[in-house]
Amino acid sequence: MAALPDAAPTNWVDAHAPAALRPWLKLGRFDRPTGIWLLMLPGWQGIALAGAMQGRWPSPVLLALFFLGAALMRAAGCAYNDIVDRDIDAKVARTAGRPIPSGQISVKQAWGFIVGCALISLLILLSLPPLAIGLGVGSLGLVAAYPFMKRITWWPQAWLGLTFNWGALLGFAAVSGHLAVPALILYGSGIFWTLGYDTIYAIQDLEDDALAGVKSSALRLGAKAPRTVAFFYLVTVSLAFALGAFAGLGLAYDVALIAFAIHLGWQARRVKVDDGPLALRLFRSNTWAGLILFVALALGALRP
């Protein structure tokens, strides 16, 4: 079983996992961990923001719980997405080898996988404050609708932004027990960040998506995609600076945020609509972008 096109050739699943487990691990995208980080990091950022506003560092235990929860829910979400998209995936070169369209895992088996991941995630969620539990349950509607967005709108990336960054609200509520305007600003910043990086990701599939009849922001924008990604990232950074001022996070946050702005600017400057491999590398680099923002928010605890 060969590595899938958007997985690193040396990924740990293909290199080390037992052959019988590989289809299941690939169903959950554990061979492509970037998505786990991009789902988890908004949660970590929300945790760091709430802690910084209280003058405290992020809780390592809570960070670990959010990491595990993100890994499991991302796995469940990917399996659900593959069930819904199995006919489309079979027509797209990058996705045709996935476990469901290639026949390695049945739809019934995939549903069992989803239920198992969801039940473990529920146990984690139930350890959080009531508002966080409610937000976690509320996110299921966003997750359920996402696979259908590429059929009805040119902007499924916007829906992904709403979904992937929900963790910012959840993380903030897990620490504080309530929501506040800074958490909403962080959520908004994350939505535009996702619009940028997922438009970059969609560049890989421009021809295949057009042939399969599905929509994406990259297809809609065409040659304007790089400039629009730059605009999305500009809004991302502007909201992040506004967040610091509104929450009173101080100089350490602002200085660290400069590195976040530089990283996103570097991506926007390099992206090209005719270079899929470069688009994948730039997309993956958003793990570092998200970590930089997390560190900046944690440093907000050092405010005078």
Protein backbone atom coordinates (compact mmCIF):
# COMPACT_ATOMS: atom_id res chain seq x y z
CA MET A 1 0.00 0.00 0.00
CA ALA A 2 1.78 3.14 -1.25
CA ALA A 3 1.85 6.48 0.54
CA LEU A 4 -0.99 8.77 -0.55
CA PRO A 5 -0.01 11.78 -2.72
CA ASP A 6 -0.46 14.45 -0.03
CA ALA A 7 1.34 12.44 2.67
CA ALA A 8 5.07 12.75 3.23
CA PRO A 9 6.86 9.76 1.61
CA THR A 10 8.51 9.00 4.96
CA ASN A 11 5.37 9.41 7.10
CA TRP A 12 5.26 7.18 10.17
CA VAL A 13 2.17 5.23 9.08
CA ASP A 14 3.73 3.88 5.90
CA ALA A 15 7.17 3.57 7.47
CA HIS A 16 6.34 1.89 10.79
CA ALA A 17 2.68 0.98 11.32
CA PRO A 18 1.57 -2.67 10.92
CA ALA A 19 0.10 -3.30 7.48
CA ALA A 20 -3.31 -4.25 8.89
CA LEU A 21 -3.62 -0.90 10.67
CA ARG A 22 -2.52 1.33 7.81
CA PRO A 23 -5.92 1.69 6.08
CA TRP A 24 -7.51 2.71 9.40
CA LEU A 25 -4.77 5.18 10.23
CA LYS A 26 -5.04 6.63 6.73
CA LEU A 27 -8.81 6.87 7.08
CA GLY A 28 -8.18 9.11 10.10
CA ARG A 29 -5.40 10.99 8.23
CA PHE A 30 -2.79 10.05 10.82
CA ASP A 31 -0.30 9.83 7.95
CA ARG A 32 -0.92 13.56 7.37
CA PRO A 33 -0.73 15.18 10.82
CA THR A 34 -0.85 18.80 9.60
CA GLY A 35 -4.64 18.73 9.84
CA ILE A 36 -4.48 17.61 13.47
CA TRP A 37 -2.30 20.61 14.30
CA LEU A 38 -4.52 23.02 12.39
CA LEU A 39 -7.60 21.78 14.25
CA MET A 40 -5.84 21.70 17.62
CA LEU A 41 -3.97 25.01 17.50
CA PRO A 42 -7.03 27.31 17.67
CA GLY A 43 -8.00 25.44 20.84
CA TRP A 44 -4.53 25.93 22.28
CA GLN A 45 -4.69 29.59 21.29
CA GLY A 46 -8.03 30.00 23.08
CA ILE A 47 -6.54 28.34 26.18
CA ALA A 48 -3.50 30.62 26.03
CA LEU A 49 -5.64 33.75 25.54
CA ALA A 50 -7.89 33.00 28.51
CA GLY A 51 -4.86 32.21 30.66
CA ALA A 52 -3.01 35.35 29.60
CA MET A 53 -6.01 37.52 30.48
CA GLN A 54 -5.83 36.00 33.97
CA GLY A 55 -2.05 36.41 34.14
CA ARG A 56 -1.45 32.62 33.97
CA TRP A 57 0.38 30.23 31.66
CA PRO A 58 -1.61 27.60 29.72
CA SER A 59 -2.41 24.41 31.64
CA PRO A 60 -0.31 21.48 30.29
CA VAL A 61 -3.09 19.03 31.20
CA LEU A 62 -5.68 21.02 29.26
CA LEU A 63 -3.33 21.35 26.29
CA ALA A 64 -2.85 17.57 26.27
CA LEU A 65 -6.59 16.94 26.41
CA PHE A 66 -7.18 19.30 23.49
CA PHE A 67 -4.43 17.57 21.50
CA LEU A 68 -6.03 14.15 22.00
CA GLY A 69 -9.52 15.47 21.34
CA ALA A 70 -8.42 17.23 18.15
CA ALA A 71 -6.66 14.10 16.86
CA LEU A 72 -9.76 11.96 17.46
CA MET A 73 -12.30 14.44 16.13
CA ARG A 74 -10.22 15.20 13.09
CA ALA A 75 -10.02 11.45 12.43
CA ALA A 76 -13.80 11.10 12.81
CA GLY A 77 -14.42 14.16 10.63
CA CYS A 78 -12.13 12.91 7.88
CA ALA A 79 -13.81 9.50 7.87
CA TYR A 80 -17.23 11.16 7.65
CA ASN A 81 -15.97 13.42 4.86
CA ASP A 82 -14.68 10.37 2.96
CA ILE A 83 -18.03 8.58 3.31
CA VAL A 84 -19.87 11.57 1.86
CA ASP A 85 -17.25 12.23 -0.85
CA ARG A 86 -16.43 8.65 -1.83
CA ASP A 87 -17.75 8.99 -5.39
CA ILE A 88 -16.01 12.33 -5.94
CA ASP A 89 -12.76 11.08 -4.37
CA ALA A 90 -12.67 8.19 -6.82
CA LYS A 91 -12.45 10.73 -9.68
CA VAL A 92 -9.64 12.85 -8.19
CA ALA A 93 -6.06 11.61 -8.54
CA ARG A 94 -4.96 12.88 -5.11
CA THR A 95 -7.83 11.13 -3.29
CA ALA A 96 -8.56 8.01 -5.35
CA GLY A 97 -6.24 5.88 -3.19
CA ARG A 98 -7.98 6.73 0.09
CA PRO A 99 -9.28 3.69 1.99
CA ILE A 100 -12.99 4.06 1.16
CA PRO A 101 -12.90 4.89 -2.59
CA SER A 102 -10.16 2.29 -3.09
CA GLY A 103 -12.26 -0.40 -1.35
CA GLN A 104 -9.91 -1.10 1.56
CA ILE A 105 -12.54 -0.08 4.14
CA SER A 106 -16.30 -0.34 3.71
CA VAL A 107 -18.74 2.45 4.50
CA LYS A 108 -20.15 0.40 7.40
CA GLN A 109 -16.68 -0.10 8.86
CA ALA A 110 -15.95 3.62 8.49
CA TRP A 111 -19.09 4.47 10.48
CA GLY A 112 -17.86 2.19 13.27
CA PHE A 113 -14.55 4.04 13.24
CA ILE A 114 -16.38 7.37 13.56
CA VAL A 115 -18.48 6.18 16.50
CA GLY A 116 -15.39 4.89 18.34
CA CYS A 117 -13.49 8.17 17.92
CA ALA A 118 -16.54 10.22 18.88
CA LEU A 119 -17.19 8.27 22.08
CA ILE A 120 -13.64 8.75 23.35
CA SER A 121 -13.83 12.44 22.43
CA LEU A 122 -17.09 12.73 24.36
CA LEU A 123 -15.37 11.48 27.51
CA ILE A 124 -12.78 14.26 27.13
CA LEU A 125 -15.47 16.87 26.49
CA LEU A 126 -17.43 15.87 29.59
CA SER A 127 -14.41 16.76 31.75
CA LEU A 128 -14.76 20.45 30.75
CA PRO A 129 -17.05 23.23 32.13
CA PRO A 130 -20.71 23.27 31.00
CA LEU A 131 -20.30 26.06 28.41
CA ALA A 132 -17.38 24.23 26.81
CA ILE A 133 -19.48 21.06 26.64
CA GLY A 134 -22.27 22.98 24.93
CA LEU A 135 -19.84 24.50 22.43
CA GLY A 136 -18.37 21.08 21.71
CA VAL A 137 -21.80 19.63 20.97
CA GLY A 138 -22.65 22.69 18.88
CA SER A 139 -19.62 22.15 16.66
CA LEU A 140 -21.13 18.90 15.33
CA GLY A 141 -23.49 20.85 13.09
CA LEU A 142 -20.58 22.61 11.43
CA VAL A 143 -18.72 19.32 10.98
CA ALA A 144 -21.77 17.55 9.52
CA ALA A 145 -22.43 20.27 6.94
CA TYR A 146 -18.85 20.78 5.77
CA PRO A 147 -18.55 17.97 3.16
CA PHE A 148 -21.56 19.36 1.31
CA MET A 149 -20.23 22.91 1.03
CA LYS A 150 -18.05 22.17 -2.00
CA ARG A 151 -21.23 21.22 -3.86
CA ILE A 152 -23.18 24.41 -3.14
CA THR A 153 -20.66 27.26 -2.77
CA TRP A 154 -17.35 28.42 -4.20
CA TRP A 155 -16.26 29.11 -0.63
CA PRO A 156 -16.14 25.80 1.28
CA GLN A 157 -12.92 27.19 2.77
CA ALA A 158 -15.00 29.75 4.68
CA TRP A 159 -17.09 26.96 6.24
CA LEU A 160 -13.90 25.11 7.12
CA GLY A 161 -12.73 28.30 8.84
CA LEU A 162 -15.91 28.39 10.93
CA THR A 163 -15.42 24.71 11.81
CA PHE A 164 -11.67 24.41 12.43
CA ASN A 165 -11.46 27.57 14.54
CA TRP A 166 -14.40 26.72 16.78
CA GLY A 167 -11.77 25.34 19.15
CA ALA A 168 -10.68 28.92 19.93
CA LEU A 169 -14.05 29.50 21.59
CA LEU A 170 -14.01 26.07 23.20
CA GLY A 171 -10.49 26.54 24.60
CA PHE A 172 -11.31 29.95 26.00
CA ALA A 173 -14.48 28.63 27.65
CA ALA A 174 -12.63 25.61 29.04
CA VAL A 175 -10.37 27.97 31.03
CA SER A 176 -12.70 30.83 31.89
CA GLY A 177 -16.12 29.20 31.93
CA HIS A 178 -17.53 31.97 29.73
CA LEU A 179 -16.95 33.75 26.42
CA ALA A 180 -15.64 37.29 25.91
CA VAL A 181 -15.03 39.64 23.01
CA PRO A 182 -11.29 38.77 22.73
CA ALA A 183 -12.25 35.13 22.12
CA LEU A 184 -14.57 36.22 19.31
CA ILE A 185 -11.82 38.33 17.75
CA LEU A 186 -9.45 35.35 17.91
CA TYR A 187 -12.13 33.24 16.24
CA GLY A 188 -12.54 35.80 13.47
CA SER A 189 -8.80 36.00 12.92
CA GLY A 190 -8.64 32.23 12.65
CA ILE A 191 -11.42 32.13 10.07
CA PHE A 192 -9.42 34.40 7.73
CA TRP A 193 -6.26 32.40 8.45
CA THR A 194 -8.07 29.23 7.32
CA LEU A 195 -9.45 30.99 4.24
CA GLY A 196 -5.84 31.72 3.31
CA TYR A 197 -4.20 28.39 4.00
CA ASP A 198 -7.03 26.25 2.63
CA THR A 199 -7.15 28.29 -0.57
CA ILE A 200 -3.45 27.48 -0.91
CA TYR A 201 -4.23 23.80 -0.25
CA ALA A 202 -6.98 23.77 -2.91
CA ILE A 203 -4.48 24.86 -5.58
CA GLN A 204 -3.33 21.22 -5.70
CA ASP A 205 -6.71 20.11 -7.05
CA LEU A 206 -7.59 22.84 -9.55
CA GLU A 207 -7.87 20.59 -12.61
CA ASP A 208 -9.35 17.57 -10.83
CA ASP A 209 -11.94 19.65 -8.98
CA ALA A 210 -13.04 21.27 -12.24
CA LEU A 211 -13.43 17.85 -13.87
CA ALA A 212 -15.29 16.43 -10.87
CA GLY A 213 -17.64 19.43 -10.76
CA VAL A 214 -16.85 20.52 -7.21
CA LYS A 215 -16.17 24.08 -6.08
CA SER A 216 -13.32 25.77 -4.20
CA SER A 217 -12.04 29.26 -3.53
CA ALA A 218 -8.94 28.49 -5.61
CA LEU A 219 -11.09 27.63 -8.62
CA ARG A 220 -13.24 30.72 -8.14
CA LEU A 221 -10.28 33.06 -7.76
CA GLY A 222 -8.03 31.62 -10.48
CA ALA A 223 -5.03 33.86 -11.10
CA LYS A 224 -6.23 36.20 -8.34
CA ALA A 225 -5.68 33.53 -5.67
CA PRO A 226 -2.23 34.74 -4.48
CA ARG A 227 -3.42 38.34 -4.04
CA THR A 228 -6.55 37.21 -2.26
CA VAL A 229 -4.56 34.94 0.05
CA ALA A 230 -2.44 38.01 0.90
CA PHE A 231 -5.64 39.91 1.72
CA PHE A 232 -6.95 37.09 3.93
CA TYR A 233 -3.66 37.00 5.81
CA LEU A 234 -3.64 40.79 6.19
CA VAL A 235 -7.05 40.60 7.87
CA THR A 236 -5.80 37.70 10.02
CA VAL A 237 -2.86 39.70 11.31
CA SER A 238 -4.87 42.91 11.74
CA LEU A 239 -7.43 41.12 13.90
CA ALA A 240 -4.63 39.47 15.89
CA PHE A 241 -3.07 42.87 16.67
CA ALA A 242 -6.52 44.27 17.55
CA LEU A 243 -6.99 41.31 19.88
CA GLY A 244 -3.80 42.19 21.74
CA ALA A 245 -4.89 45.77 22.22
CA PHE A 246 -8.41 44.83 23.27
CA ALA A 247 -7.27 42.17 25.76
CA GLY A 248 -4.32 44.25 27.02
CA LEU A 249 -1.77 41.52 26.27
CA GLY A 250 1.20 43.88 26.21
CA LEU A 251 4.49 44.32 24.38
CA ALA A 252 5.70 40.71 24.51
CA TYR A 253 2.62 39.61 22.58
CA ASP A 254 3.00 42.35 19.97
CA VAL A 255 6.68 41.56 19.39
CA ALA A 256 6.01 37.83 19.00
CA LEU A 257 3.12 38.59 16.68
CA ILE A 258 5.53 40.22 14.23
CA ALA A 259 6.97 36.76 13.56
CA PHE A 260 3.44 35.50 12.81
CA ALA A 261 2.91 38.35 10.33
CA ILE A 262 6.26 37.69 8.63
CA HIS A 263 5.47 33.99 8.24
CA LEU A 264 2.09 34.63 6.64
CA GLY A 265 3.57 37.31 4.40
CA TRP A 266 6.24 34.84 3.26
CA GLN A 267 3.53 32.34 2.30
CA ALA A 268 1.49 34.89 0.38
CA ARG A 269 4.57 36.08 -1.50
CA ARG A 270 5.58 32.57 -2.61
CA VAL A 271 2.25 30.94 -3.55
CA LYS A 272 1.67 30.23 -7.24
CA VAL A 273 -1.47 28.85 -8.87
CA ASP A 274 0.52 26.57 -11.20
CA ASP A 275 2.68 24.89 -8.54
CA GLY A 276 0.79 22.24 -6.57
CA PRO A 277 3.81 20.78 -4.72
CA LEU A 278 4.77 24.27 -3.51
CA ALA A 279 1.18 24.86 -2.39
CA LEU A 280 1.32 21.69 -0.27
CA ARG A 281 4.58 22.78 1.36
CA LEU A 282 3.21 26.24 2.13
CA PHE A 283 0.02 24.75 3.52
CA ARG A 284 1.98 22.47 5.85
CA SER A 285 4.04 25.42 7.10
CA ASN A 286 0.90 26.77 8.78
CA THR A 287 1.63 24.43 11.66
CA TRP A 288 4.49 26.80 12.50
CA ALA A 289 2.33 29.86 11.95
CA GLY A 290 -0.25 28.57 14.41
CA LEU A 291 2.42 27.67 16.96
CA ILE A 292 3.91 31.17 16.71
CA LEU A 293 0.51 32.71 17.47
CA PHE A 294 0.04 30.31 20.39
CA VAL A 295 3.39 31.32 21.86
CA ALA A 296 2.57 35.00 21.35
CA LEU A 297 -0.71 34.57 23.23
CA ALA A 298 0.99 32.68 26.03
CA LEU A 299 3.52 35.50 26.34
CA GLY A 300 0.59 37.82 26.88
CA ALA A 301 0.62 36.56 30.47
CA LEU A 302 3.77 38.68 30.96
CA ARG A 303 1.88 41.94 30.55
CA PRO A 304 2.57 44.59 33.25
